[in-house]
Amino acid sequence: MKKLINDPRKVVREMLEGLVALHPGLALLANHDVVLRSDLSEPNSRHVAVISGGGAGHEPAHAGYVGAGMLHAAVSGDVFTSPSVDAVLAAIRAVAGPAGALLIVKNYTGDRLNFGLAAEIARAGGIPTEIVVVADDVALRDTVPKERRRGIAGTVLVHKIAGALAEQGRSLAVIAAAARAAAAATGTMGVALGACTIPAVGVPGFTLGEDEIEFGLGIHGEAGVSRQQIATADAITDRMLEIIVSEGAHGAGTRIALLVNNLGGTTQMELAVITRRALARLREQGLIVERAWAGTLLSALEMPGFSLSVMAVDDARLALLDHAAAAPAWPGAGIIPQTLSLVGADEVAAADEIVASADSLGAVVRSAALACATALEAAEPYLTELDSKAGDGDLGVSMSRAAAAIRTCCTVDRSDSSAAVLALLAGQLRRAIGGSSGPFYAVGLLRAARRLAEGPSTGLADWADAFSKGADAVSELGGARAGDRTMLDALLPAAQALAEAARHGLPPSQAWSLAAEAAQAGAEATATMRPRLGRASYLGERALGAPDGGAAAVSIWLGTLARR
């Protein structure tokens, strides 16, 4: 286990101290792990106090939702452990006045017992207290009765409803009824790609295979309802929404709010992909998505996964969701466009520079390029592995995209001359490949095309000179030289070998074979070179031991040319 903590026994208190230290609107009880608003009025003038809580490990819940318009206090237990009765009672006494307190509890035995007993003691002491239990986990629909389902991320929306009503000064009975109705109108389901590790335990709660996911799980590191094969983000999202919408009996025209929640270890990239599909799928079913939020709202430590919550809304409930809130973790209004906004742009011309050479080798160049595309596609796993050792691991995908671009270009192009084909390929690769590979290949091909267009012939000497000028263009654009551990360590030896072969009058097939051999030797030599440019340079000697991915890619497509 690797976690940035000091002592597992003190992690909750230190976490709460850090949160309160950042936000002037929050305070921390001295003797209990309770975060409360620091702007509370005198007890006799207070509105209904809304309190929630549970075990730690769900950050930003619950303390992150303390603030005007949401919670008055949040009670924290140890990680995934219900807080004690005394801690809950201390929270009630600290923030409640004669108007009373509403406790919002997720449906777990420990929470219900400890919050329930604290509420009983508070009532006996003269503080009106009500409890709202959230049981929004629809994954358990075939496992337990509805009233015994778990409370998970939809609880955050119930916090918002109750908090807005309390801020408006509504009565305890009204707030409790509205919160219970909101909880009943909410369905949530979660999925995980892996487990989380409780600091005091030190090992993950379960183990998944490389191609497995836990479907329909809670928020305490436990396994899900079923273990399934991983699928695309769209397929997983669709399946979850199918269950949530069906369980909620949401027909076409139903107005809803959507919550896309990160369980802790999901990237913003993945969450945005999921949100995109969730919005589209709900609208395909005729539902009206009035509000939507995506982010880390109620987590399970570092668990990689997400949950989807759908709450049915009307004008009244929507107004409460829109009511201003000053809690640190509340993501804001959630107002979204009803359609995806796409702005048109002028298409870039197929070729920025029209070039042609005095030959009829266009078909030959297209055929060679297609062969290179096949080789690069086959080498994707190898290039990804190499680039992952010293870079960001995207080279394999980039070269696969290059191959697709080559196929597209060579399928539609009917140019007669070699220069025209190279210029078109330069434009296609520039647009298709991200990162540095796209500009490098584009400038090299374009410079070579311009050299061939100078004519008057396109014999081996011209091709050798064009290859050399293309390599020089790559060097000029990126600033690299021989020995810097880049693609140039394969390109430059190949250019030199091709030029030597042309000077000695060797046949083209032999010349290209010598160039390919030089490129391969150059690529292999990069395994012992200390990188001086690019991301690999940040690793220093740690990058040694494997060839540079860019140089390896050059040797692969040059080897393909030599074998033709």
Protein backbone atom coordinates (compact mmCIF):
# COMPACT_ATOMS: atom_id res chain seq x y z
CA MET A 1 0.00 0.00 0.00
CA LYS A 2 1.24 3.47 -0.91
CA LYS A 3 -0.68 6.43 0.49
CA LEU A 4 0.32 9.96 1.39
CA ILE A 5 -0.62 9.75 5.05
CA ASN A 6 1.16 9.90 8.41
CA ASP A 7 -0.65 7.52 10.75
CA PRO A 8 -3.75 5.54 9.65
CA ARG A 9 -5.21 6.11 13.13
CA LYS A 10 -5.02 9.89 12.70
CA VAL A 11 -5.78 10.23 9.00
CA VAL A 12 -9.43 11.29 9.43
CA ARG A 13 -8.69 14.07 11.91
CA GLU A 14 -5.77 15.37 9.88
CA MET A 15 -7.91 15.32 6.73
CA LEU A 16 -10.65 17.35 8.42
CA GLU A 17 -8.10 19.81 9.80
CA GLY A 18 -6.78 20.35 6.30
CA LEU A 19 -10.25 20.94 4.90
CA VAL A 20 -11.21 23.44 7.59
CA ALA A 21 -7.86 25.22 7.23
CA LEU A 22 -8.75 26.01 3.61
CA HIS A 23 -12.27 27.32 4.13
CA PRO A 24 -13.12 30.24 6.45
CA GLY A 25 -16.80 29.23 6.47
CA LEU A 26 -16.03 25.96 8.26
CA ALA A 27 -15.11 25.01 11.83
CA LEU A 28 -14.16 21.77 13.58
CA LEU A 29 -15.38 20.55 16.95
CA ALA A 30 -12.46 20.21 19.34
CA ASN A 31 -13.35 16.79 20.73
CA HIS A 32 -15.20 15.16 17.84
CA ASP A 33 -14.66 14.69 14.11
CA VAL A 34 -17.48 17.05 13.25
CA VAL A 35 -17.22 19.85 10.68
CA LEU A 36 -19.79 22.63 11.07
CA ARG A 37 -20.59 26.03 9.67
CA SER A 38 -18.68 28.85 11.34
CA ASP A 39 -21.39 31.45 10.64
CA LEU A 40 -24.17 30.00 12.80
CA SER A 41 -26.49 32.49 14.47
CA GLU A 42 -27.63 32.35 18.10
CA PRO A 43 -29.43 29.04 18.83
CA ASN A 44 -32.87 30.57 19.35
CA SER A 45 -32.84 32.19 15.88
CA ARG A 46 -31.56 29.20 13.94
CA HIS A 47 -33.48 27.49 11.16
CA VAL A 48 -33.70 23.71 10.96
CA ALA A 49 -30.20 22.23 11.02
CA VAL A 50 -29.40 19.66 8.29
CA ILE A 51 -26.79 17.12 9.37
CA SER A 52 -25.29 14.18 7.55
CA GLY A 53 -22.21 12.02 7.77
CA GLY A 54 -20.85 8.52 7.85
CA GLY A 55 -17.49 6.88 7.52
CA ALA A 56 -14.57 8.78 6.03
CA GLY A 57 -13.17 7.78 2.64
CA HIS A 58 -16.03 9.28 0.63
CA GLU A 59 -14.47 12.68 0.15
CA PRO A 60 -15.53 15.31 -0.62
CA ALA A 61 -18.55 13.89 1.22
CA HIS A 62 -19.63 14.66 3.77
CA ALA A 63 -17.72 17.60 5.17
CA GLY A 64 -17.33 19.16 1.73
CA TYR A 65 -21.09 19.80 1.66
CA VAL A 66 -21.14 21.87 4.84
CA GLY A 67 -22.05 25.44 4.00
CA ALA A 68 -24.90 27.84 3.42
CA GLY A 69 -27.63 26.16 1.38
CA MET A 70 -26.56 22.61 2.21
CA LEU A 71 -25.42 20.98 5.46
CA HIS A 72 -24.98 22.67 8.81
CA ALA A 73 -22.70 19.89 10.05
CA ALA A 74 -21.10 16.66 8.89
CA VAL A 75 -20.02 13.87 11.23
CA SER A 76 -17.14 11.62 10.25
CA GLY A 77 -16.23 8.17 11.50
CA ASP A 78 -13.07 6.27 10.70
CA VAL A 79 -12.62 5.17 7.11
CA PHE A 80 -15.77 3.33 6.03
CA THR A 81 -16.91 3.18 9.67
CA SER A 82 -19.99 4.85 11.08
CA PRO A 83 -19.38 7.72 13.51
CA SER A 84 -20.24 7.15 17.15
CA VAL A 85 -23.50 8.10 18.81
CA ASP A 86 -21.69 10.71 20.90
CA ALA A 87 -20.17 12.35 17.80
CA VAL A 88 -23.57 12.59 16.10
CA LEU A 89 -25.15 13.91 19.29
CA ALA A 90 -22.38 16.50 19.61
CA ALA A 91 -23.13 17.68 16.09
CA ILE A 92 -26.84 18.01 16.81
CA ARG A 93 -26.23 19.99 19.99
CA ALA A 94 -23.67 22.21 18.27
CA VAL A 95 -25.83 23.36 15.35
CA ALA A 96 -29.52 22.78 16.20
CA GLY A 97 -31.90 25.23 17.83
CA PRO A 98 -35.57 25.06 18.74
CA ALA A 99 -36.48 24.51 15.06
CA GLY A 100 -34.81 21.12 15.30
CA ALA A 101 -32.48 18.98 13.22
CA LEU A 102 -32.81 16.74 10.18
CA LEU A 103 -30.38 13.83 9.93
CA ILE A 104 -29.74 12.51 6.40
CA VAL A 105 -28.43 8.98 6.67
CA LYS A 106 -27.24 6.53 4.03
CA ASN A 107 -28.87 3.14 4.47
CA TYR A 108 -26.18 1.18 6.27
CA THR A 109 -26.72 -0.62 9.58
CA GLY A 110 -24.03 1.25 11.50
CA ASP A 111 -25.21 4.65 10.33
CA ARG A 112 -28.84 3.92 11.06
CA LEU A 113 -28.03 2.66 14.56
CA ASN A 114 -25.71 5.47 15.60
CA PHE A 115 -27.63 8.33 14.01
CA GLY A 116 -30.90 6.79 15.16
CA LEU A 117 -29.87 6.54 18.80
CA ALA A 118 -28.40 10.04 18.74
CA ALA A 119 -31.72 11.32 17.37
CA GLU A 120 -33.60 9.57 20.17
CA ILE A 121 -31.36 11.13 22.81
CA ALA A 122 -31.68 14.56 21.16
CA ARG A 123 -35.48 14.32 21.20
CA ALA A 124 -35.40 13.35 24.84
CA GLY A 125 -33.32 16.44 25.45
CA GLY A 126 -35.87 18.70 23.79
CA ILE A 127 -34.42 19.00 20.28
CA PRO A 128 -36.95 18.04 17.57
CA THR A 129 -35.12 15.58 15.33
CA GLU A 130 -36.11 13.70 12.21
CA ILE A 131 -34.21 11.13 10.15
CA VAL A 132 -34.28 10.67 6.37
CA VAL A 133 -32.75 7.40 5.13
CA VAL A 134 -31.42 7.36 1.57
CA ALA A 135 -31.55 3.95 -0.17
CA ASP A 136 -30.90 4.81 -3.82
CA ASP A 137 -28.85 1.80 -4.97
CA VAL A 138 -30.95 0.16 -7.70
CA ALA A 139 -28.31 -2.53 -8.28
CA LEU A 140 -29.87 -4.39 -5.35
CA ARG A 141 -33.34 -4.45 -6.91
CA ASP A 142 -33.32 -8.26 -7.24
CA THR A 143 -31.43 -8.89 -4.01
CA VAL A 144 -33.11 -7.09 -1.11
CA PRO A 145 -36.39 -5.20 -0.48
CA LYS A 146 -36.42 -1.58 -1.55
CA GLU A 147 -36.18 -0.26 2.00
CA ARG A 148 -32.95 -2.24 2.57
CA ARG A 149 -31.01 -0.97 -0.40
CA ARG A 150 -27.76 0.91 0.17
CA GLY A 151 -27.45 4.67 0.18
CA ILE A 152 -24.84 5.90 -2.27
CA ALA A 153 -24.09 8.98 -4.41
CA GLY A 154 -27.68 10.14 -4.84
CA THR A 155 -27.44 11.23 -1.21
CA VAL A 156 -25.63 14.37 -2.36
CA LEU A 157 -28.73 15.54 -4.24
CA VAL A 158 -30.86 14.91 -1.15
CA HIS A 159 -28.43 17.08 0.84
CA LYS A 160 -29.05 19.85 -1.67
CA ILE A 161 -32.83 19.62 -1.52
CA ALA A 162 -32.96 19.62 2.28
CA GLY A 163 -30.32 22.31 2.64
CA ALA A 164 -32.12 24.69 0.30
CA LEU A 165 -35.39 24.30 2.20
CA ALA A 166 -33.64 24.83 5.54
CA GLU A 167 -32.02 28.00 4.20
CA GLN A 168 -35.49 29.24 3.29
CA GLY A 169 -36.65 28.73 6.87
CA ARG A 170 -39.11 25.92 6.21
CA SER A 171 -40.34 23.69 9.04
CA LEU A 172 -38.75 20.40 10.04
CA ALA A 173 -41.80 18.44 8.86
CA VAL A 174 -41.79 20.09 5.44
CA ILE A 175 -38.04 19.58 4.97
CA ALA A 176 -38.16 15.95 6.08
CA ALA A 177 -41.07 15.18 3.73
CA ALA A 178 -39.36 16.84 0.78
CA ALA A 179 -36.07 15.05 1.48
CA ARG A 180 -37.81 11.67 1.73
CA ALA A 181 -39.62 12.32 -1.55
CA ALA A 182 -36.36 13.34 -3.22
CA ALA A 183 -34.64 10.20 -1.96
CA ALA A 184 -37.48 8.05 -3.27
CA ALA A 185 -37.23 9.77 -6.65
CA THR A 186 -33.50 8.97 -6.99
CA GLY A 187 -31.85 5.87 -8.39
CA THR A 188 -28.11 5.19 -8.50
CA MET A 189 -25.86 2.46 -9.79
CA GLY A 190 -22.08 2.04 -9.65
CA VAL A 191 -19.39 0.10 -11.48
CA ALA A 192 -15.70 -0.32 -10.67
CA LEU A 193 -12.61 -1.34 -12.62
CA GLY A 194 -10.71 -2.15 -9.46
CA ALA A 195 -10.77 -2.05 -5.67
CA CYS A 196 -9.67 0.53 -3.13
CA THR A 197 -7.40 0.09 -0.13
CA ILE A 198 -8.44 1.13 3.37
CA PRO A 199 -5.39 2.69 5.09
CA ALA A 200 -5.78 0.63 8.26
CA VAL A 201 -6.13 -2.61 6.26
CA GLY A 202 -3.39 -2.15 3.71
CA VAL A 203 -4.71 -4.49 1.00
CA PRO A 204 -7.42 -4.07 -1.67
CA GLY A 205 -10.92 -5.25 -0.83
CA PHE A 206 -11.10 -7.52 -3.87
CA THR A 207 -9.09 -8.48 -6.94
CA LEU A 208 -10.23 -8.22 -10.55
CA GLY A 209 -8.81 -9.77 -13.68
CA GLU A 210 -7.48 -7.56 -16.45
CA ASP A 211 -10.75 -7.79 -18.37
CA GLU A 212 -13.20 -7.77 -15.46
CA ILE A 213 -15.37 -5.14 -13.78
CA GLU A 214 -17.52 -5.13 -10.65
CA PHE A 215 -21.08 -4.24 -11.64
CA GLY A 216 -23.48 -2.76 -9.13
CA LEU A 217 -21.27 -2.08 -6.14
CA GLY A 218 -21.48 0.18 -3.11
CA ILE A 219 -19.08 2.77 -1.72
CA HIS A 220 -17.16 0.82 0.92
CA GLY A 221 -14.73 -1.19 -1.16
CA GLU A 222 -16.98 -4.22 -1.27
CA ALA A 223 -17.56 -6.35 -4.35
CA GLY A 224 -20.54 -5.70 -6.59
CA VAL A 225 -23.70 -7.59 -7.41
CA SER A 226 -21.98 -9.31 -10.32
CA ARG A 227 -18.59 -9.58 -11.98
CA GLN A 228 -18.67 -8.97 -15.72
CA GLN A 229 -16.39 -8.64 -18.71
CA ILE A 230 -15.29 -5.09 -19.36
CA ALA A 231 -17.01 -3.39 -22.28
CA THR A 232 -16.86 0.02 -23.91
CA ALA A 233 -17.74 3.09 -21.86
CA ASP A 234 -20.88 3.53 -23.95
CA ALA A 235 -22.03 -0.06 -23.42
CA ILE A 236 -21.48 0.08 -19.65
CA THR A 237 -23.25 3.44 -19.40
CA ASP A 238 -26.20 2.21 -21.45
CA ARG A 239 -26.62 -0.89 -19.30
CA MET A 240 -26.55 1.12 -16.07
CA LEU A 241 -29.07 3.65 -17.36
CA GLU A 242 -31.34 0.88 -18.60
CA ILE A 243 -31.60 -0.43 -15.04
CA ILE A 244 -31.90 2.99 -13.38
CA VAL A 245 -34.56 4.28 -15.78
CA SER A 246 -36.52 1.05 -15.65
CA GLU A 247 -36.45 0.90 -11.87
CA GLY A 248 -37.58 4.51 -11.63
CA ALA A 249 -40.32 3.97 -14.21
CA HIS A 250 -39.16 7.09 -16.05
CA GLY A 251 -41.11 7.32 -19.28
CA ALA A 252 -40.61 9.68 -22.19
CA GLY A 253 -41.08 13.27 -21.14
CA THR A 254 -39.88 12.71 -17.57
CA ARG A 255 -37.79 15.60 -16.30
CA ILE A 256 -34.63 14.49 -14.52
CA ALA A 257 -31.35 15.58 -12.99
CA LEU A 258 -28.24 13.51 -13.71
CA LEU A 259 -25.21 12.99 -11.49
CA VAL A 260 -22.09 11.35 -12.97
CA ASN A 261 -19.90 10.55 -9.98
CA ASN A 262 -16.24 9.58 -9.87
CA LEU A 263 -15.67 6.84 -7.31
CA GLY A 264 -12.16 8.17 -6.76
CA GLY A 265 -9.72 6.89 -9.36
CA THR A 266 -11.41 7.74 -12.64
CA THR A 267 -9.82 10.38 -14.84
CA GLN A 268 -11.67 13.49 -15.95
CA MET A 269 -11.21 12.23 -19.52
CA GLU A 270 -13.09 9.01 -18.79
CA LEU A 271 -15.75 10.82 -16.80
CA ALA A 272 -16.39 13.22 -19.70
CA VAL A 273 -16.74 10.29 -22.12
CA ILE A 274 -19.28 8.68 -19.78
CA THR A 275 -21.17 11.95 -19.30
CA ARG A 276 -21.37 12.44 -23.06
CA ARG A 277 -22.99 9.03 -23.51
CA ALA A 278 -25.26 9.31 -20.48
CA LEU A 279 -26.76 12.58 -21.72
CA ALA A 280 -27.19 11.24 -25.24
CA ARG A 281 -28.77 7.97 -24.11
CA LEU A 282 -31.23 9.62 -21.74
CA ARG A 283 -32.33 12.01 -24.49
CA GLU A 284 -32.67 9.13 -26.95
CA GLN A 285 -35.18 7.63 -24.51
CA GLY A 286 -37.17 10.84 -24.49
CA LEU A 287 -36.18 11.99 -21.02
CA ILE A 288 -35.59 15.69 -20.43
CA VAL A 289 -32.27 16.28 -18.66
CA GLU A 290 -32.86 19.54 -16.81
CA ARG A 291 -29.62 19.55 -14.80
CA ALA A 292 -26.42 17.52 -14.85
CA TRP A 293 -23.20 17.38 -12.87
CA ALA A 294 -20.03 15.34 -13.32
CA GLY A 295 -17.14 15.08 -10.90
CA THR A 296 -15.99 13.53 -7.66
CA LEU A 297 -18.96 14.04 -5.37
CA LEU A 298 -19.03 10.90 -3.22
CA SER A 299 -16.06 8.59 -3.59
CA ALA A 300 -14.70 5.32 -2.27
CA LEU A 301 -11.10 6.36 -1.64
CA GLU A 302 -9.10 5.75 -4.84
CA MET A 303 -11.48 3.23 -6.42
CA PRO A 304 -11.40 3.39 -10.24
CA GLY A 305 -15.02 3.53 -11.34
CA PHE A 306 -18.11 5.68 -11.44
CA SER A 307 -21.76 5.83 -10.53
CA LEU A 308 -24.78 7.33 -12.25
CA SER A 309 -27.64 8.91 -10.33
CA VAL A 310 -30.96 9.96 -11.84
CA MET A 311 -33.46 12.05 -9.87
CA ALA A 312 -36.92 12.85 -11.18
CA VAL A 313 -37.61 16.59 -10.87
CA ASP A 314 -40.42 19.08 -11.19
CA ASP A 315 -40.36 22.86 -11.00
CA ALA A 316 -40.28 22.89 -7.20
CA ARG A 317 -37.46 20.37 -6.88
CA LEU A 318 -35.54 22.05 -9.68
CA ALA A 319 -35.74 25.39 -7.86
CA LEU A 320 -34.23 23.76 -4.78
CA LEU A 321 -31.39 22.27 -6.79
CA ASP A 322 -30.78 25.72 -8.28
CA HIS A 323 -30.86 27.47 -4.90
CA ALA A 324 -27.49 29.09 -4.10
CA ALA A 325 -25.11 27.01 -1.99
CA ALA A 326 -21.73 27.93 -0.52
CA ALA A 327 -20.51 24.42 0.37
CA PRO A 328 -16.93 23.88 -0.89
CA ALA A 329 -17.67 20.67 -2.80
CA TRP A 330 -21.01 21.56 -4.39
CA PRO A 331 -20.27 21.80 -8.15
CA GLY A 332 -22.69 24.61 -8.95
CA ALA A 333 -25.89 25.14 -10.87
CA GLY A 334 -25.64 22.19 -13.25
CA ILE A 335 -27.34 24.09 -16.06
CA ILE A 336 -26.50 22.43 -19.37
CA PRO A 337 -27.30 23.08 -23.04
CA GLN A 338 -30.12 20.95 -24.39
CA THR A 339 -28.15 20.13 -27.54
CA LEU A 340 -24.47 19.65 -28.26
CA SER A 341 -23.12 22.86 -29.78
CA LEU A 342 -20.96 22.28 -32.84
CA VAL A 343 -19.39 25.24 -34.62
CA GLY A 344 -18.43 24.75 -38.25
CA ALA A 345 -14.99 25.71 -39.50
CA ASP A 346 -13.58 26.17 -42.97
CA GLU A 347 -12.00 22.98 -44.21
CA VAL A 348 -8.27 23.13 -44.84
CA ALA A 349 -7.38 22.42 -48.43
CA ALA A 350 -6.28 18.86 -49.14
CA ALA A 351 -2.77 20.07 -49.93
CA ASP A 352 -1.36 23.38 -48.75
CA GLU A 353 1.14 23.37 -51.56
CA ILE A 354 0.49 21.87 -54.99
CA VAL A 355 3.62 20.10 -56.15
CA ALA A 356 4.29 17.69 -58.99
CA SER A 357 7.35 15.93 -60.32
CA ALA A 358 8.31 14.92 -63.83
CA ASP A 359 7.57 11.24 -63.38
CA SER A 360 4.68 8.80 -63.38
CA LEU A 361 5.51 7.06 -60.14
CA GLY A 362 2.40 8.08 -58.21
CA ALA A 363 0.96 4.56 -58.22
CA VAL A 364 4.29 3.09 -57.15
CA VAL A 365 4.58 5.50 -54.22
CA ARG A 366 0.99 4.79 -53.14
CA SER A 367 1.64 1.06 -53.20
CA ALA A 368 4.79 1.48 -51.12
CA ALA A 369 2.98 3.74 -48.67
CA LEU A 370 0.20 1.19 -48.20
CA ALA A 371 2.79 -1.49 -47.45
CA CYS A 372 4.33 0.79 -44.82
CA ALA A 373 0.87 1.35 -43.33
CA THR A 374 0.37 -2.40 -42.91
CA ALA A 375 3.75 -2.74 -41.21
CA LEU A 376 3.07 0.14 -38.81
CA GLU A 377 -0.32 -1.29 -37.85
CA ALA A 378 1.26 -4.64 -37.05
CA ALA A 379 3.95 -2.93 -34.97
CA GLU A 380 1.53 -0.93 -32.79
CA PRO A 381 1.96 -3.07 -29.62
CA TYR A 382 5.75 -3.07 -29.98
CA LEU A 383 5.96 0.69 -30.53
CA THR A 384 3.60 1.32 -27.61
CA GLU A 385 5.79 -0.79 -25.35
CA LEU A 386 8.95 1.04 -26.43
CA ASP A 387 7.43 4.48 -26.04
CA SER A 388 6.02 3.61 -22.62
CA LYS A 389 9.53 2.98 -21.32
CA ALA A 390 10.80 6.47 -22.10
CA GLY A 391 7.82 8.52 -23.26
CA ASP A 392 4.09 8.77 -22.82
CA GLY A 393 3.21 5.51 -24.57
CA ASP A 394 1.22 7.05 -27.43
CA LEU A 395 3.54 6.26 -30.34
CA GLY A 396 1.86 2.97 -31.24
CA VAL A 397 -1.54 4.63 -31.46
CA SER A 398 -0.04 7.53 -33.41
CA MET A 399 1.51 5.22 -35.98
CA SER A 400 -1.75 3.29 -36.24
CA ARG A 401 -3.52 6.56 -36.97
CA ALA A 402 -0.82 7.33 -39.51
CA ALA A 403 -1.54 4.02 -41.20
CA ALA A 404 -5.25 4.81 -41.37
CA ALA A 405 -4.49 8.24 -42.84
CA ILE A 406 -2.21 6.68 -45.44
CA ARG A 407 -4.96 4.26 -46.47
CA THR A 408 -7.48 7.08 -46.77
CA CYS A 409 -5.15 9.18 -48.88
CA CYS A 410 -3.98 6.38 -51.15
CA THR A 411 -7.51 5.08 -51.69
CA VAL A 412 -8.86 8.34 -53.12
CA ASP A 413 -5.70 9.87 -54.63
CA ARG A 414 -4.99 9.38 -58.34
CA SER A 415 -1.98 11.68 -58.69
CA ASP A 416 0.48 10.67 -61.38
CA SER A 417 3.67 12.01 -59.85
CA SER A 418 5.57 10.89 -56.79
CA ALA A 419 5.93 14.45 -55.47
CA ALA A 420 2.18 15.01 -55.54
CA VAL A 421 1.54 11.82 -53.55
CA LEU A 422 4.17 12.72 -50.96
CA ALA A 423 2.71 16.22 -50.56
CA LEU A 424 -0.79 14.79 -50.06
CA LEU A 425 0.54 12.29 -47.53
CA ALA A 426 2.23 15.14 -45.66
CA GLY A 427 -1.10 16.92 -45.26
CA GLN A 428 -2.93 13.78 -44.19
CA LEU A 429 -0.33 12.80 -41.59
CA ARG A 430 -0.18 16.32 -40.21
CA ARG A 431 -3.91 16.19 -39.49
CA ALA A 432 -4.10 12.60 -38.35
CA ILE A 433 -1.20 12.30 -35.90
CA GLY A 434 -1.07 14.24 -32.67
CA GLY A 435 2.00 15.10 -30.65
CA SER A 436 5.35 15.53 -32.36
CA SER A 437 5.18 12.68 -34.89
CA GLY A 438 2.63 14.43 -37.11
CA PRO A 439 4.63 17.62 -37.71
CA PHE A 440 7.89 15.68 -38.12
CA TYR A 441 6.57 13.31 -40.78
CA ALA A 442 4.65 16.10 -42.48
CA VAL A 443 7.64 18.42 -42.80
CA GLY A 444 9.91 15.60 -43.94
CA LEU A 445 7.52 14.42 -46.65
CA LEU A 446 6.75 17.94 -47.81
CA ARG A 447 10.42 18.88 -48.08
CA ALA A 448 11.12 15.67 -49.99
CA ALA A 449 8.18 16.34 -52.31
CA ARG A 450 9.44 19.82 -53.10
CA ARG A 451 12.89 18.42 -53.91
CA LEU A 452 11.45 15.84 -56.30
CA ALA A 453 9.36 18.54 -57.93
CA GLU A 454 12.51 20.44 -58.87
CA GLY A 455 13.23 17.75 -61.48
CA PRO A 456 14.05 17.25 -64.21
CA SER A 457 14.38 13.52 -63.40
CA THR A 458 13.58 11.35 -60.42
CA GLY A 459 16.33 8.76 -60.47
CA LEU A 460 17.96 7.22 -57.40
CA ALA A 461 20.19 10.27 -56.89
CA ASP A 462 17.14 12.52 -56.76
CA TRP A 463 15.39 10.20 -54.31
CA ALA A 464 18.52 10.06 -52.15
CA ASP A 465 18.74 13.84 -52.12
CA ALA A 466 15.02 14.18 -51.39
CA PHE A 467 15.33 11.70 -48.50
CA SER A 468 18.28 13.63 -47.11
CA LYS A 469 16.47 16.95 -47.36
CA GLY A 470 13.45 15.44 -45.64
CA ALA A 471 15.65 14.26 -42.75
CA ASP A 472 17.24 17.70 -42.54
CA ALA A 473 13.78 19.28 -42.33
CA VAL A 474 12.93 17.07 -39.36
CA SER A 475 16.16 18.14 -37.68
CA GLU A 476 15.50 21.82 -38.33
CA LEU A 477 11.94 21.69 -37.03
CA GLY A 478 12.69 19.79 -33.82
CA GLY A 479 16.24 20.94 -33.15
CA ALA A 480 17.57 17.40 -32.76
CA ARG A 481 20.86 16.10 -34.14
CA ALA A 482 22.48 12.70 -34.51
CA GLY A 483 23.06 11.11 -31.12
CA ASP A 484 20.15 12.82 -29.38
CA ARG A 485 18.17 9.55 -29.27
CA THR A 486 15.37 10.49 -31.65
CA MET A 487 13.98 9.30 -34.97
CA LEU A 488 16.88 11.12 -36.62
CA ASP A 489 19.26 8.44 -35.35
CA ALA A 490 17.56 6.12 -37.85
CA LEU A 491 16.79 8.70 -40.56
CA LEU A 492 20.25 10.24 -40.87
CA PRO A 493 22.22 6.95 -41.24
CA ALA A 494 19.65 5.80 -43.79
CA ALA A 495 20.00 9.05 -45.75
CA GLN A 496 23.77 8.72 -45.75
CA ALA A 497 23.62 5.07 -46.90
CA LEU A 498 21.17 5.96 -49.68
CA ALA A 499 23.38 8.81 -50.86
CA GLU A 500 26.47 6.57 -50.87
CA ALA A 501 24.64 3.92 -52.84
CA ALA A 502 23.55 6.48 -55.43
CA ARG A 503 27.11 7.79 -55.80
CA HIS A 504 28.34 4.25 -56.46
CA GLY A 505 25.63 3.57 -59.00
CA LEU A 506 24.05 0.69 -57.10
CA PRO A 507 20.64 -0.54 -58.21
CA PRO A 508 17.66 0.95 -56.29
CA SER A 509 16.73 -2.31 -54.58
CA GLN A 510 20.20 -2.69 -53.12
CA ALA A 511 20.35 0.99 -52.20
CA TRP A 512 17.11 0.85 -50.23
CA SER A 513 18.24 -2.35 -48.51
CA LEU A 514 21.43 -0.62 -47.37
CA ALA A 515 19.40 2.34 -46.15
CA ALA A 516 17.10 0.03 -44.18
CA GLU A 517 20.06 -1.76 -42.61
CA ALA A 518 21.57 1.57 -41.60
CA ALA A 519 18.26 2.69 -40.08
CA GLN A 520 17.94 -0.53 -38.10
CA ALA A 521 21.49 -0.24 -36.79
CA GLY A 522 20.87 3.38 -35.88
CA ALA A 523 17.65 2.54 -34.07
CA GLU A 524 19.32 -0.25 -32.10
CA ALA A 525 22.15 2.10 -31.13
CA THR A 526 19.69 4.46 -29.45
CA ALA A 527 19.30 1.91 -26.65
CA THR A 528 22.63 3.12 -25.24
CA MET A 529 22.16 6.83 -25.98
CA ARG A 530 21.29 9.29 -23.25
CA PRO A 531 18.26 11.27 -24.52
CA ARG A 532 18.73 15.02 -24.97
CA LEU A 533 15.35 16.07 -26.34
CA GLY A 534 11.68 15.26 -25.72
CA ARG A 535 10.04 13.58 -22.73
CA ALA A 536 12.69 10.89 -22.63
CA SER A 537 15.28 13.55 -21.73
CA TYR A 538 13.55 14.01 -18.37
CA LEU A 539 14.41 10.42 -17.46
CA GLY A 540 18.14 10.69 -18.09
CA GLU A 541 19.88 7.33 -17.70
CA ARG A 542 16.61 5.64 -16.74
CA ALA A 543 15.69 5.76 -20.44
CA LEU A 544 18.64 3.55 -21.39
CA GLY A 545 18.24 -0.10 -22.31
CA ALA A 546 15.55 0.01 -24.98
CA PRO A 547 15.62 1.62 -28.46
CA ASP A 548 13.90 4.93 -29.08
CA GLY A 549 10.36 4.32 -30.33
CA GLY A 550 10.52 6.97 -33.05
CA ALA A 551 13.75 5.54 -34.44
CA ALA A 552 12.28 2.02 -34.29
CA ALA A 553 9.25 3.18 -36.29
CA VAL A 554 11.55 4.58 -39.00
CA SER A 555 13.43 1.29 -39.22
CA ILE A 556 10.13 -0.61 -39.54
CA TRP A 557 8.76 1.32 -42.51
CA LEU A 558 12.17 1.56 -44.20
CA GLY A 559 12.58 -2.19 -43.83
CA THR A 560 9.22 -2.60 -45.55
CA LEU A 561 10.34 -0.39 -48.46
CA ALA A 562 13.54 -2.41 -48.82
CA ARG A 563 11.66 -5.70 -49.09
CA ARG A 564 9.47 -4.54 -51.96
